[in-house]
């Protein structure tokens, strides 16, 4: 079996799509965003294709494309779409696969199912993207606890932002999770700049050696 990772976050807008783009590129893998909420601007799959320089044939189509940039359960209701959680099965591929969730781990997929519940069913290793800024300790430890309660395998934590050594240390110490590295701020955010920062911040061999 090849590597499969679920990339999720402690919150929305923390950089998990940027991280997913870099990881997909580094693994020469496929990318899948099961549920896309918001279609007026660049979608997450389009961002991954652009920033990760991922060819179209390695971008899997979304299972659900919802118009409104909102929690999937609400966006689906506005679109008069019924999301069937049972239909969200991990694709069987001969190559590495990066799957990106929506928002944080406890974002509702439907009125009765959270993304963390889907992750528990999949049992693929989860990479939790966390900010390094103020407030991240609480959000990250709560996210780890929610995953652990559901017996979701946590591959590790990827920090996003300027180095904050004590914050990163206490999160790893209190959670017991592995620190994968840190993606520093990138300006301007381009493919070359992203991949240079990714290789500075992470040991790619750690991801390549994981089989799921």
N, C-alpha and C. Protein backbone atom coordinates (compact mmCIF):
# COMPACT_ATOMS: atom_id res chain seq x y z
N UNK A 1 0.84 -1.19 0.00
CA UNK A 1 0.00 0.00 0.00
C UNK A 1 0.88 1.25 0.00
N UNK A 2 0.42 2.29 -0.66
CA UNK A 2 1.16 3.55 -0.69
C UNK A 2 0.66 4.46 0.43
N UNK A 3 1.36 5.58 0.60
CA UNK A 3 1.03 6.52 1.68
C UNK A 3 -0.31 7.19 1.41
N UNK A 4 -1.11 7.29 2.46
CA UNK A 4 -2.35 8.05 2.41
C UNK A 4 -2.39 8.92 3.67
N UNK A 5 -2.67 10.19 3.49
CA UNK A 5 -2.74 11.11 4.62
C UNK A 5 -4.00 11.95 4.53
N UNK A 6 -4.62 12.18 5.67
CA UNK A 6 -5.69 13.15 5.77
C UNK A 6 -5.09 14.42 6.37
N UNK A 7 -5.22 15.52 5.67
CA UNK A 7 -4.74 16.80 6.16
C UNK A 7 -5.93 17.58 6.70
N UNK A 8 -5.87 17.89 7.99
CA UNK A 8 -6.94 18.66 8.61
C UNK A 8 -6.31 19.78 9.42
N UNK A 9 -7.14 20.56 10.09
CA UNK A 9 -6.59 21.70 10.82
C UNK A 9 -7.33 21.96 12.12
N UNK A 10 -6.80 22.87 12.89
CA UNK A 10 -7.44 23.28 14.13
C UNK A 10 -8.49 24.35 13.88
N UNK A 11 -8.51 24.88 12.67
CA UNK A 11 -9.39 26.01 12.35
C UNK A 11 -9.39 26.17 10.84
N UNK A 12 -10.18 27.09 10.35
CA UNK A 12 -10.18 27.38 8.92
C UNK A 12 -9.18 28.49 8.62
N UNK A 13 -8.65 28.48 7.42
CA UNK A 13 -7.75 29.54 6.98
C UNK A 13 -6.39 29.53 7.63
N UNK A 14 -5.91 28.36 8.06
CA UNK A 14 -4.61 28.31 8.74
C UNK A 14 -3.48 27.87 7.82
N UNK A 15 -3.82 27.48 6.60
CA UNK A 15 -2.77 27.10 5.66
C UNK A 15 -2.72 25.62 5.33
N UNK A 16 -3.77 24.87 5.67
CA UNK A 16 -3.71 23.43 5.41
C UNK A 16 -3.76 23.12 3.91
N UNK A 17 -4.42 23.96 3.12
CA UNK A 17 -4.43 23.73 1.67
C UNK A 17 -3.04 23.97 1.09
N UNK A 18 -2.35 24.98 1.59
CA UNK A 18 -0.97 25.24 1.14
C UNK A 18 -0.07 24.08 1.53
N UNK A 19 -0.23 23.60 2.76
CA UNK A 19 0.55 22.44 3.19
C UNK A 19 0.22 21.22 2.34
N UNK A 20 -1.06 21.00 2.07
CA UNK A 20 -1.47 19.86 1.25
C UNK A 20 -0.88 19.94 -0.15
N UNK A 21 -0.79 21.15 -0.69
CA UNK A 21 -0.20 21.33 -2.01
C UNK A 21 1.27 20.91 -2.01
N UNK A 22 2.00 21.35 -0.99
CA UNK A 22 3.41 21.02 -0.89
C UNK A 22 3.62 19.52 -0.68
N UNK A 23 2.80 18.92 0.18
CA UNK A 23 2.94 17.49 0.46
C UNK A 23 2.61 16.66 -0.78
N UNK A 24 1.56 17.03 -1.48
CA UNK A 24 1.19 16.31 -2.71
C UNK A 24 2.32 16.37 -3.73
N UNK A 25 2.90 17.54 -3.87
CA UNK A 25 4.02 17.71 -4.80
C UNK A 25 5.22 16.87 -4.37
N UNK A 26 5.57 16.94 -3.08
CA UNK A 26 6.74 16.23 -2.58
C UNK A 26 6.60 14.72 -2.73
N UNK A 27 5.39 14.22 -2.58
CA UNK A 27 5.15 12.78 -2.70
C UNK A 27 4.86 12.34 -4.13
N UNK A 28 4.73 13.34 -5.03
CA UNK A 28 4.29 13.05 -6.40
C UNK A 28 3.00 12.24 -6.37
N UNK A 29 2.12 12.66 -5.46
CA UNK A 29 0.90 11.92 -5.23
C UNK A 29 -0.33 12.53 -5.86
N UNK A 30 -1.48 11.98 -5.49
CA UNK A 30 -2.77 12.49 -5.91
C UNK A 30 -3.37 13.32 -4.77
N UNK A 31 -4.31 14.18 -5.12
CA UNK A 31 -4.97 15.04 -4.12
C UNK A 31 -6.47 14.88 -4.26
N UNK A 32 -7.15 14.86 -3.10
CA UNK A 32 -8.61 14.75 -3.12
C UNK A 32 -9.21 15.62 -2.03
N UNK A 33 -10.12 16.49 -2.42
CA UNK A 33 -10.92 17.28 -1.49
C UNK A 33 -12.34 16.74 -1.60
N UNK A 34 -12.77 15.89 -0.66
CA UNK A 34 -14.08 15.25 -0.81
C UNK A 34 -15.25 16.23 -0.92
N UNK A 35 -15.20 17.29 -0.10
CA UNK A 35 -16.31 18.26 -0.09
C UNK A 35 -15.73 19.66 -0.21
N UNK A 36 -16.10 20.35 -1.28
CA UNK A 36 -15.66 21.73 -1.50
C UNK A 36 -16.84 22.66 -1.26
N UNK A 37 -16.68 23.56 -0.30
CA UNK A 37 -17.71 24.57 -0.02
C UNK A 37 -17.20 25.93 -0.48
N UNK A 38 -17.87 26.52 -1.45
CA UNK A 38 -17.46 27.80 -2.01
C UNK A 38 -16.86 27.62 -3.38
N UNK A 39 -17.51 28.17 -4.41
CA UNK A 39 -17.05 27.98 -5.78
C UNK A 39 -16.76 29.30 -6.50
N UNK A 40 -17.05 30.43 -5.86
CA UNK A 40 -16.88 31.72 -6.54
C UNK A 40 -15.42 32.09 -6.72
N UNK A 41 -14.58 31.69 -5.76
CA UNK A 41 -13.15 31.97 -5.86
C UNK A 41 -12.40 30.68 -6.16
N UNK A 42 -11.08 30.75 -6.18
CA UNK A 42 -10.28 29.57 -6.47
C UNK A 42 -10.60 28.46 -5.46
N UNK A 43 -10.91 27.28 -5.93
CA UNK A 43 -11.20 26.17 -5.03
C UNK A 43 -9.90 25.62 -4.45
N UNK A 44 -10.04 24.79 -3.42
CA UNK A 44 -8.84 24.21 -2.81
C UNK A 44 -8.10 23.33 -3.80
N UNK A 45 -8.83 22.57 -4.61
CA UNK A 45 -8.18 21.72 -5.61
C UNK A 45 -7.42 22.57 -6.63
N UNK A 46 -7.97 23.70 -7.02
CA UNK A 46 -7.29 24.58 -7.96
C UNK A 46 -6.05 25.20 -7.32
N UNK A 47 -6.14 25.52 -6.02
CA UNK A 47 -4.97 26.05 -5.31
C UNK A 47 -3.86 25.02 -5.25
N UNK A 48 -4.23 23.78 -4.95
CA UNK A 48 -3.23 22.71 -4.89
C UNK A 48 -2.58 22.50 -6.26
N UNK A 49 -3.39 22.51 -7.31
CA UNK A 49 -2.85 22.35 -8.66
C UNK A 49 -1.86 23.45 -8.99
N UNK A 50 -2.20 24.69 -8.61
CA UNK A 50 -1.34 25.83 -8.93
C UNK A 50 -0.09 25.87 -8.07
N UNK A 51 -0.25 25.82 -6.75
CA UNK A 51 0.90 25.97 -5.87
C UNK A 51 1.76 24.71 -5.82
N UNK A 52 1.12 23.55 -5.96
CA UNK A 52 1.87 22.30 -5.91
C UNK A 52 2.35 21.84 -7.27
N UNK A 53 1.95 22.58 -8.31
CA UNK A 53 2.29 22.19 -9.68
C UNK A 53 1.87 20.73 -9.91
N UNK A 54 0.66 20.43 -9.46
CA UNK A 54 0.12 19.07 -9.56
C UNK A 54 -0.69 18.96 -10.84
N UNK A 55 -0.35 18.02 -11.73
CA UNK A 55 -1.10 17.91 -12.99
C UNK A 55 -2.56 17.52 -12.77
N UNK A 56 -3.40 17.90 -13.72
CA UNK A 56 -4.84 17.71 -13.58
C UNK A 56 -5.20 16.25 -13.37
N UNK A 57 -4.46 15.34 -13.96
CA UNK A 57 -4.80 13.92 -13.82
C UNK A 57 -4.54 13.38 -12.42
N UNK A 58 -3.83 14.16 -11.59
CA UNK A 58 -3.59 13.74 -10.21
C UNK A 58 -4.46 14.50 -9.20
N UNK A 59 -5.40 15.27 -9.71
CA UNK A 59 -6.39 15.94 -8.87
C UNK A 59 -7.71 15.19 -9.03
N UNK A 60 -8.15 14.53 -7.98
CA UNK A 60 -9.39 13.77 -8.05
C UNK A 60 -10.59 14.71 -7.91
N UNK A 61 -11.66 14.44 -8.63
CA UNK A 61 -12.85 15.31 -8.54
C UNK A 61 -13.50 15.23 -7.16
N UNK A 62 -14.02 16.35 -6.71
CA UNK A 62 -14.72 16.39 -5.43
C UNK A 62 -15.99 15.54 -5.50
N UNK A 63 -16.33 14.93 -4.38
CA UNK A 63 -17.60 14.19 -4.31
C UNK A 63 -18.77 15.16 -4.27
N UNK A 64 -18.56 16.30 -3.61
CA UNK A 64 -19.61 17.32 -3.49
C UNK A 64 -18.98 18.69 -3.72
N UNK A 65 -19.61 19.48 -4.61
CA UNK A 65 -19.18 20.86 -4.88
C UNK A 65 -20.35 21.77 -4.50
N UNK A 66 -20.17 22.52 -3.42
CA UNK A 66 -21.23 23.34 -2.86
C UNK A 66 -20.92 24.82 -3.08
N UNK A 67 -21.91 25.60 -3.39
CA UNK A 67 -21.69 26.98 -3.81
C UNK A 67 -21.24 27.91 -2.70
N UNK A 68 -21.81 27.76 -1.52
CA UNK A 68 -21.59 28.73 -0.44
C UNK A 68 -20.36 28.38 0.39
N UNK A 69 -19.48 29.36 0.67
CA UNK A 69 -18.32 29.10 1.54
C UNK A 69 -18.76 29.06 2.99
N UNK A 70 -19.24 27.90 3.41
CA UNK A 70 -19.76 27.72 4.77
C UNK A 70 -19.51 26.28 5.18
N UNK A 71 -19.85 25.97 6.42
CA UNK A 71 -19.77 24.59 6.87
C UNK A 71 -20.54 23.70 5.89
N UNK A 72 -19.99 22.54 5.52
CA UNK A 72 -20.65 21.70 4.50
C UNK A 72 -22.11 21.39 4.80
N UNK A 73 -22.46 21.19 6.07
CA UNK A 73 -23.85 20.85 6.37
C UNK A 73 -24.79 22.00 6.00
N UNK A 74 -24.30 23.23 6.21
CA UNK A 74 -25.12 24.41 5.90
C UNK A 74 -25.10 24.72 4.41
N UNK A 75 -23.92 24.63 3.80
CA UNK A 75 -23.80 24.88 2.36
C UNK A 75 -24.65 23.88 1.58
N UNK A 76 -24.68 22.63 2.01
CA UNK A 76 -25.48 21.61 1.34
C UNK A 76 -26.98 21.92 1.45
N UNK A 77 -27.39 22.37 2.64
CA UNK A 77 -28.79 22.72 2.82
C UNK A 77 -29.20 23.87 1.91
N UNK A 78 -28.33 24.87 1.77
CA UNK A 78 -28.63 26.01 0.90
C UNK A 78 -28.71 25.58 -0.56
N UNK A 79 -27.92 24.58 -0.92
CA UNK A 79 -27.90 24.08 -2.30
C UNK A 79 -28.94 22.98 -2.55
N UNK A 80 -29.68 22.63 -1.49
CA UNK A 80 -30.66 21.54 -1.58
C UNK A 80 -29.98 20.23 -2.00
N UNK A 81 -28.82 19.99 -1.39
CA UNK A 81 -28.04 18.78 -1.66
C UNK A 81 -28.00 17.94 -0.39
N UNK A 82 -28.15 16.65 -0.53
CA UNK A 82 -28.04 15.74 0.60
C UNK A 82 -26.68 15.05 0.55
N UNK A 83 -25.84 15.30 1.54
CA UNK A 83 -24.54 14.65 1.59
C UNK A 83 -24.73 13.27 2.21
N UNK A 84 -24.25 12.27 1.51
CA UNK A 84 -24.32 10.89 1.99
C UNK A 84 -22.94 10.48 2.50
N UNK A 85 -22.73 10.51 3.82
CA UNK A 85 -21.41 10.16 4.36
C UNK A 85 -20.92 8.79 3.93
N UNK A 86 -21.84 7.84 3.78
CA UNK A 86 -21.45 6.50 3.37
C UNK A 86 -20.86 6.44 1.98
N UNK A 87 -21.10 7.48 1.18
CA UNK A 87 -20.58 7.50 -0.19
C UNK A 87 -19.13 8.01 -0.24
N UNK A 88 -18.65 8.54 0.89
CA UNK A 88 -17.29 9.08 0.91
C UNK A 88 -16.30 7.99 1.31
N UNK A 89 -15.91 7.22 0.34
CA UNK A 89 -14.94 6.15 0.56
C UNK A 89 -13.59 6.58 -0.01
N UNK A 90 -12.52 6.21 0.69
CA UNK A 90 -11.19 6.56 0.21
C UNK A 90 -10.91 5.85 -1.12
N UNK A 91 -10.48 6.59 -2.13
CA UNK A 91 -10.17 5.96 -3.42
C UNK A 91 -8.99 4.99 -3.28
N UNK A 92 -9.07 3.89 -3.98
CA UNK A 92 -7.97 2.92 -4.01
C UNK A 92 -7.06 3.29 -5.18
N UNK A 93 -5.85 3.74 -4.86
CA UNK A 93 -4.92 4.20 -5.88
C UNK A 93 -3.57 3.52 -5.70
N UNK A 94 -2.84 3.35 -6.79
CA UNK A 94 -1.49 2.77 -6.68
C UNK A 94 -0.43 3.81 -6.32
N UNK A 95 -0.88 5.04 -6.06
CA UNK A 95 0.04 6.14 -5.75
C UNK A 95 -0.36 6.77 -4.41
N UNK A 96 0.51 7.61 -3.89
CA UNK A 96 0.22 8.31 -2.64
C UNK A 96 -1.00 9.23 -2.83
N UNK A 97 -1.73 9.42 -1.74
CA UNK A 97 -2.94 10.22 -1.80
C UNK A 97 -2.98 11.17 -0.60
N UNK A 98 -3.24 12.44 -0.87
CA UNK A 98 -3.43 13.45 0.17
C UNK A 98 -4.89 13.88 0.14
N UNK A 99 -5.58 13.68 1.26
CA UNK A 99 -7.00 14.02 1.37
C UNK A 99 -7.12 15.23 2.29
N UNK A 100 -7.85 16.24 1.86
CA UNK A 100 -8.00 17.43 2.68
C UNK A 100 -9.41 17.57 3.21
N UNK A 101 -9.53 17.74 4.53
CA UNK A 101 -10.83 17.97 5.14
C UNK A 101 -11.27 19.41 4.95
N UNK A 102 -12.32 19.79 5.66
CA UNK A 102 -12.86 21.15 5.58
C UNK A 102 -12.80 21.79 6.95
N UNK A 103 -12.14 22.94 7.06
CA UNK A 103 -12.06 23.63 8.34
C UNK A 103 -11.36 22.78 9.39
N UNK A 104 -11.92 22.75 10.60
CA UNK A 104 -11.32 21.98 11.68
C UNK A 104 -11.90 20.57 11.78
N UNK A 105 -11.41 19.81 12.75
CA UNK A 105 -11.78 18.41 12.86
C UNK A 105 -13.24 18.20 13.24
N UNK A 106 -13.85 19.17 13.92
CA UNK A 106 -15.23 19.02 14.35
C UNK A 106 -16.22 19.82 13.51
N UNK A 107 -15.83 20.14 12.29
CA UNK A 107 -16.76 20.78 11.37
C UNK A 107 -17.84 19.77 10.97
N UNK A 108 -19.11 20.15 11.01
CA UNK A 108 -20.18 19.22 10.63
C UNK A 108 -20.20 18.95 9.13
N UNK A 109 -20.22 17.68 8.78
CA UNK A 109 -20.42 17.29 7.39
C UNK A 109 -21.92 17.27 7.09
N UNK A 110 -22.69 16.74 8.03
CA UNK A 110 -24.15 16.77 7.99
C UNK A 110 -24.63 17.22 9.38
N UNK A 111 -25.91 17.22 9.59
CA UNK A 111 -26.42 17.61 10.90
C UNK A 111 -26.11 16.59 11.98
N UNK A 112 -25.66 15.40 11.59
CA UNK A 112 -25.37 14.38 12.58
C UNK A 112 -23.98 13.80 12.53
N UNK A 113 -23.18 14.19 11.54
CA UNK A 113 -21.85 13.61 11.34
C UNK A 113 -20.80 14.72 11.26
N UNK A 114 -19.73 14.57 12.02
CA UNK A 114 -18.59 15.49 11.97
C UNK A 114 -17.49 14.92 11.09
N UNK A 115 -16.61 15.77 10.61
CA UNK A 115 -15.50 15.27 9.81
C UNK A 115 -14.64 14.28 10.60
N UNK A 116 -14.50 14.51 11.90
CA UNK A 116 -13.72 13.57 12.73
C UNK A 116 -14.32 12.18 12.71
N UNK A 117 -15.65 12.09 12.58
CA UNK A 117 -16.31 10.78 12.50
C UNK A 117 -15.95 10.07 11.20
N UNK A 118 -15.85 10.83 10.13
CA UNK A 118 -15.43 10.26 8.84
C UNK A 118 -13.98 9.81 8.92
N UNK A 119 -13.13 10.63 9.55
CA UNK A 119 -11.72 10.25 9.71
C UNK A 119 -11.60 8.94 10.49
N UNK A 120 -12.44 8.78 11.49
CA UNK A 120 -12.41 7.56 12.30
C UNK A 120 -12.77 6.35 11.45
N UNK A 121 -13.71 6.52 10.54
CA UNK A 121 -14.10 5.41 9.67
C UNK A 121 -13.00 5.09 8.67
N UNK A 122 -12.34 6.12 8.16
CA UNK A 122 -11.28 5.90 7.18
C UNK A 122 -10.05 5.24 7.79
N UNK A 123 -9.68 5.63 9.00
CA UNK A 123 -8.49 5.11 9.68
C UNK A 123 -7.20 5.37 8.90
N UNK A 124 -7.18 6.45 8.14
CA UNK A 124 -5.94 6.88 7.48
C UNK A 124 -5.23 7.85 8.42
N UNK A 125 -3.90 7.87 8.43
CA UNK A 125 -3.15 8.76 9.32
C UNK A 125 -3.50 10.23 9.07
N UNK A 126 -3.75 10.95 10.15
CA UNK A 126 -4.15 12.36 10.07
C UNK A 126 -2.96 13.26 10.40
N UNK A 127 -2.75 14.26 9.56
CA UNK A 127 -1.80 15.32 9.83
C UNK A 127 -2.61 16.54 10.27
N UNK A 128 -2.35 16.99 11.49
CA UNK A 128 -3.08 18.14 12.03
C UNK A 128 -2.25 19.40 11.84
N UNK A 129 -2.75 20.33 11.04
CA UNK A 129 -2.08 21.61 10.83
C UNK A 129 -2.53 22.59 11.92
N UNK A 130 -1.55 23.22 12.57
CA UNK A 130 -1.84 24.11 13.69
C UNK A 130 -1.07 25.41 13.55
N UNK A 131 -1.70 26.51 13.91
CA UNK A 131 -1.01 27.79 13.92
C UNK A 131 0.09 27.80 14.99
N UNK A 132 0.98 28.74 14.88
CA UNK A 132 1.94 28.97 15.96
C UNK A 132 1.58 30.20 16.78
N UNK A 133 0.52 30.90 16.39
CA UNK A 133 0.16 32.17 17.02
C UNK A 133 -0.68 31.96 18.28
N UNK A 134 -0.97 33.06 18.96
CA UNK A 134 -1.70 33.03 20.22
C UNK A 134 -3.05 32.33 20.06
N UNK A 135 -3.37 31.46 21.02
CA UNK A 135 -4.63 30.73 20.99
C UNK A 135 -4.51 29.33 20.46
N UNK A 136 -3.37 29.02 19.86
CA UNK A 136 -3.23 27.71 19.20
C UNK A 136 -3.11 26.55 20.18
N UNK A 137 -2.61 26.81 21.40
CA UNK A 137 -2.44 25.71 22.35
C UNK A 137 -3.80 25.08 22.65
N UNK A 138 -4.76 25.91 23.00
CA UNK A 138 -6.10 25.41 23.31
C UNK A 138 -6.72 24.70 22.11
N UNK A 139 -6.70 25.35 20.96
CA UNK A 139 -7.33 24.79 19.77
C UNK A 139 -6.68 23.47 19.36
N UNK A 140 -5.37 23.41 19.46
CA UNK A 140 -4.67 22.20 19.02
C UNK A 140 -4.90 21.04 19.97
N UNK A 141 -4.81 21.30 21.27
CA UNK A 141 -5.02 20.22 22.24
C UNK A 141 -6.46 19.71 22.19
N UNK A 142 -7.42 20.59 21.98
CA UNK A 142 -8.81 20.15 21.84
C UNK A 142 -8.99 19.30 20.59
N UNK A 143 -8.33 19.69 19.50
CA UNK A 143 -8.43 18.92 18.26
C UNK A 143 -7.81 17.55 18.42
N UNK A 144 -6.64 17.49 19.06
CA UNK A 144 -5.99 16.20 19.30
C UNK A 144 -6.89 15.31 20.17
N UNK A 145 -7.46 15.89 21.21
CA UNK A 145 -8.34 15.12 22.10
C UNK A 145 -9.55 14.57 21.35
N UNK A 146 -10.12 15.39 20.48
CA UNK A 146 -11.28 14.94 19.71
C UNK A 146 -10.92 13.77 18.79
N UNK A 147 -9.75 13.83 18.20
CA UNK A 147 -9.31 12.73 17.33
C UNK A 147 -9.01 11.48 18.14
N UNK A 148 -8.32 11.66 19.26
CA UNK A 148 -7.96 10.51 20.09
C UNK A 148 -9.20 9.81 20.63
N UNK A 149 -10.21 10.57 21.03
CA UNK A 149 -11.44 9.98 21.55
C UNK A 149 -12.12 9.08 20.53
N UNK A 150 -11.91 9.38 19.26
CA UNK A 150 -12.51 8.59 18.18
C UNK A 150 -11.54 7.54 17.62
N UNK A 151 -10.39 7.40 18.27
CA UNK A 151 -9.37 6.43 17.84
C UNK A 151 -8.89 6.69 16.42
N UNK A 152 -8.78 7.97 16.08
CA UNK A 152 -8.24 8.36 14.78
C UNK A 152 -6.71 8.35 14.87
N UNK A 153 -6.02 7.66 13.98
CA UNK A 153 -4.55 7.66 14.03
C UNK A 153 -3.99 9.03 13.66
N UNK A 154 -3.21 9.60 14.56
CA UNK A 154 -2.61 10.92 14.32
C UNK A 154 -1.16 10.72 13.88
N UNK A 155 -0.86 11.09 12.65
CA UNK A 155 0.50 10.95 12.14
C UNK A 155 1.42 11.98 12.78
N UNK A 156 0.90 13.17 13.01
CA UNK A 156 1.71 14.21 13.64
C UNK A 156 1.11 15.58 13.44
N UNK A 157 1.78 16.57 14.01
CA UNK A 157 1.34 17.96 13.92
C UNK A 157 2.31 18.75 13.05
N UNK A 158 1.74 19.48 12.09
CA UNK A 158 2.52 20.37 11.23
C UNK A 158 2.18 21.80 11.63
N UNK A 159 3.18 22.53 12.10
CA UNK A 159 2.95 23.90 12.53
C UNK A 159 3.03 24.86 11.35
N UNK A 160 2.18 25.89 11.40
CA UNK A 160 2.10 26.89 10.35
C UNK A 160 2.40 28.27 10.92
N UNK A 161 3.44 28.92 10.43
CA UNK A 161 3.70 30.29 10.86
C UNK A 161 5.09 30.50 11.39
N UNK A 162 5.30 31.67 11.98
CA UNK A 162 6.58 32.04 12.56
C UNK A 162 6.88 31.16 13.77
N UNK A 163 8.14 30.80 13.94
CA UNK A 163 8.50 29.91 15.03
C UNK A 163 8.09 30.48 16.38
N UNK A 164 7.49 29.63 17.21
CA UNK A 164 7.10 29.97 18.57
C UNK A 164 7.49 28.75 19.41
N UNK A 165 8.75 28.71 19.81
CA UNK A 165 9.34 27.49 20.36
C UNK A 165 8.60 26.95 21.57
N UNK A 166 8.23 27.80 22.52
CA UNK A 166 7.57 27.31 23.73
C UNK A 166 6.17 26.80 23.43
N UNK A 167 5.45 27.51 22.58
CA UNK A 167 4.11 27.06 22.20
C UNK A 167 4.18 25.70 21.51
N UNK A 168 5.11 25.55 20.58
CA UNK A 168 5.25 24.28 19.87
C UNK A 168 5.67 23.17 20.85
N UNK A 169 6.56 23.50 21.78
CA UNK A 169 7.04 22.50 22.73
C UNK A 169 5.92 21.99 23.62
N UNK A 170 5.11 22.91 24.16
CA UNK A 170 4.09 22.49 25.11
C UNK A 170 2.97 21.72 24.41
N UNK A 171 2.68 22.07 23.17
CA UNK A 171 1.66 21.33 22.42
C UNK A 171 2.11 19.88 22.21
N UNK A 172 3.34 19.70 21.80
CA UNK A 172 3.86 18.35 21.58
C UNK A 172 3.94 17.59 22.90
N UNK A 173 4.40 18.26 23.93
CA UNK A 173 4.53 17.62 25.25
C UNK A 173 3.17 17.18 25.79
N UNK A 174 2.17 18.06 25.73
CA UNK A 174 0.87 17.77 26.31
C UNK A 174 0.05 16.80 25.46
N UNK A 175 0.23 16.85 24.15
CA UNK A 175 -0.57 16.00 23.27
C UNK A 175 0.02 14.62 23.06
N UNK A 176 1.34 14.53 23.18
CA UNK A 176 2.00 13.26 22.89
C UNK A 176 2.13 12.98 21.41
N UNK A 177 1.75 13.93 20.58
CA UNK A 177 1.83 13.75 19.13
C UNK A 177 3.24 14.06 18.64
N UNK A 178 3.53 13.59 17.46
CA UNK A 178 4.83 13.84 16.85
C UNK A 178 4.85 15.22 16.18
N UNK A 179 5.93 15.95 16.35
CA UNK A 179 6.11 17.22 15.64
C UNK A 179 6.74 16.92 14.30
N UNK A 180 6.01 17.22 13.25
CA UNK A 180 6.49 16.93 11.90
C UNK A 180 7.40 18.02 11.36
N UNK A 181 7.17 19.26 11.80
CA UNK A 181 7.95 20.39 11.30
C UNK A 181 7.10 21.64 11.28
N UNK A 182 7.62 22.65 10.61
CA UNK A 182 6.93 23.94 10.56
C UNK A 182 7.08 24.56 9.19
N UNK A 183 5.95 25.04 8.66
CA UNK A 183 5.96 25.76 7.39
C UNK A 183 5.98 27.25 7.69
N UNK A 184 7.08 27.88 7.38
CA UNK A 184 7.26 29.30 7.69
C UNK A 184 6.41 30.16 6.76
N UNK A 185 6.14 31.42 7.13
CA UNK A 185 5.41 32.33 6.23
C UNK A 185 6.17 32.49 4.91
N UNK A 186 5.43 32.52 3.81
CA UNK A 186 6.03 32.58 2.47
C UNK A 186 5.47 33.78 1.74
N UNK A 187 6.34 34.68 1.34
CA UNK A 187 5.91 35.89 0.64
C UNK A 187 6.97 36.29 -0.39
N UNK A 188 6.60 36.26 -1.68
CA UNK A 188 5.29 35.92 -2.24
C UNK A 188 5.09 34.40 -2.24
N UNK A 189 3.84 33.98 -2.20
CA UNK A 189 3.51 32.56 -2.16
C UNK A 189 3.47 32.02 -3.58
N UNK A 190 4.55 31.37 -3.96
CA UNK A 190 4.67 30.77 -5.30
C UNK A 190 5.02 29.30 -5.14
N UNK A 191 4.96 28.57 -6.23
CA UNK A 191 5.33 27.15 -6.18
C UNK A 191 6.76 26.97 -5.69
N UNK A 192 7.70 27.70 -6.30
CA UNK A 192 9.10 27.54 -5.93
C UNK A 192 9.35 27.94 -4.48
N UNK A 193 8.75 29.05 -4.06
CA UNK A 193 8.91 29.50 -2.68
C UNK A 193 8.31 28.52 -1.70
N UNK A 194 7.15 27.97 -2.05
CA UNK A 194 6.50 27.01 -1.17
C UNK A 194 7.34 25.75 -1.01
N UNK A 195 7.84 25.21 -2.10
CA UNK A 195 8.57 23.95 -2.02
C UNK A 195 9.91 24.14 -1.31
N UNK A 196 10.53 25.30 -1.49
CA UNK A 196 11.78 25.57 -0.78
C UNK A 196 11.52 25.62 0.73
N UNK A 197 10.44 26.30 1.12
CA UNK A 197 10.09 26.39 2.55
C UNK A 197 9.69 25.03 3.11
N UNK A 198 8.97 24.24 2.32
CA UNK A 198 8.54 22.92 2.78
C UNK A 198 9.75 22.03 3.04
N UNK A 199 10.70 22.05 2.15
CA UNK A 199 11.89 21.19 2.32
C UNK A 199 12.78 21.70 3.46
N UNK A 200 12.73 23.00 3.75
CA UNK A 200 13.46 23.50 4.92
C UNK A 200 12.79 23.07 6.22
N UNK A 201 11.47 23.02 6.20
CA UNK A 201 10.74 22.79 7.43
C UNK A 201 10.40 21.35 7.75
N UNK A 202 10.48 20.46 6.74
CA UNK A 202 10.04 19.08 6.93
C UNK A 202 11.02 18.09 6.32
N UNK A 203 11.10 16.92 6.91
CA UNK A 203 11.88 15.81 6.36
C UNK A 203 10.93 14.97 5.52
N UNK A 204 11.04 15.08 4.22
CA UNK A 204 10.10 14.41 3.32
C UNK A 204 10.15 12.89 3.48
N UNK A 205 11.30 12.37 3.86
CA UNK A 205 11.41 10.92 4.00
C UNK A 205 10.46 10.37 5.06
N UNK A 206 10.10 11.20 6.04
CA UNK A 206 9.16 10.76 7.08
C UNK A 206 7.81 10.43 6.47
N UNK A 207 7.38 11.22 5.50
CA UNK A 207 6.10 10.99 4.84
C UNK A 207 6.21 9.84 3.84
N UNK A 208 7.31 9.74 3.16
CA UNK A 208 7.48 8.70 2.16
C UNK A 208 7.57 7.31 2.78
N UNK A 209 8.06 7.24 4.01
CA UNK A 209 8.23 5.94 4.66
C UNK A 209 6.96 5.41 5.29
N UNK A 210 5.92 6.27 5.34
CA UNK A 210 4.65 5.84 5.94
C UNK A 210 3.82 5.09 4.93
N UNK A 211 3.33 3.94 5.30
CA UNK A 211 2.46 3.14 4.44
C UNK A 211 1.13 2.94 5.16
N UNK A 212 0.06 3.20 4.45
CA UNK A 212 -1.27 3.04 5.06
C UNK A 212 -2.24 2.44 4.07
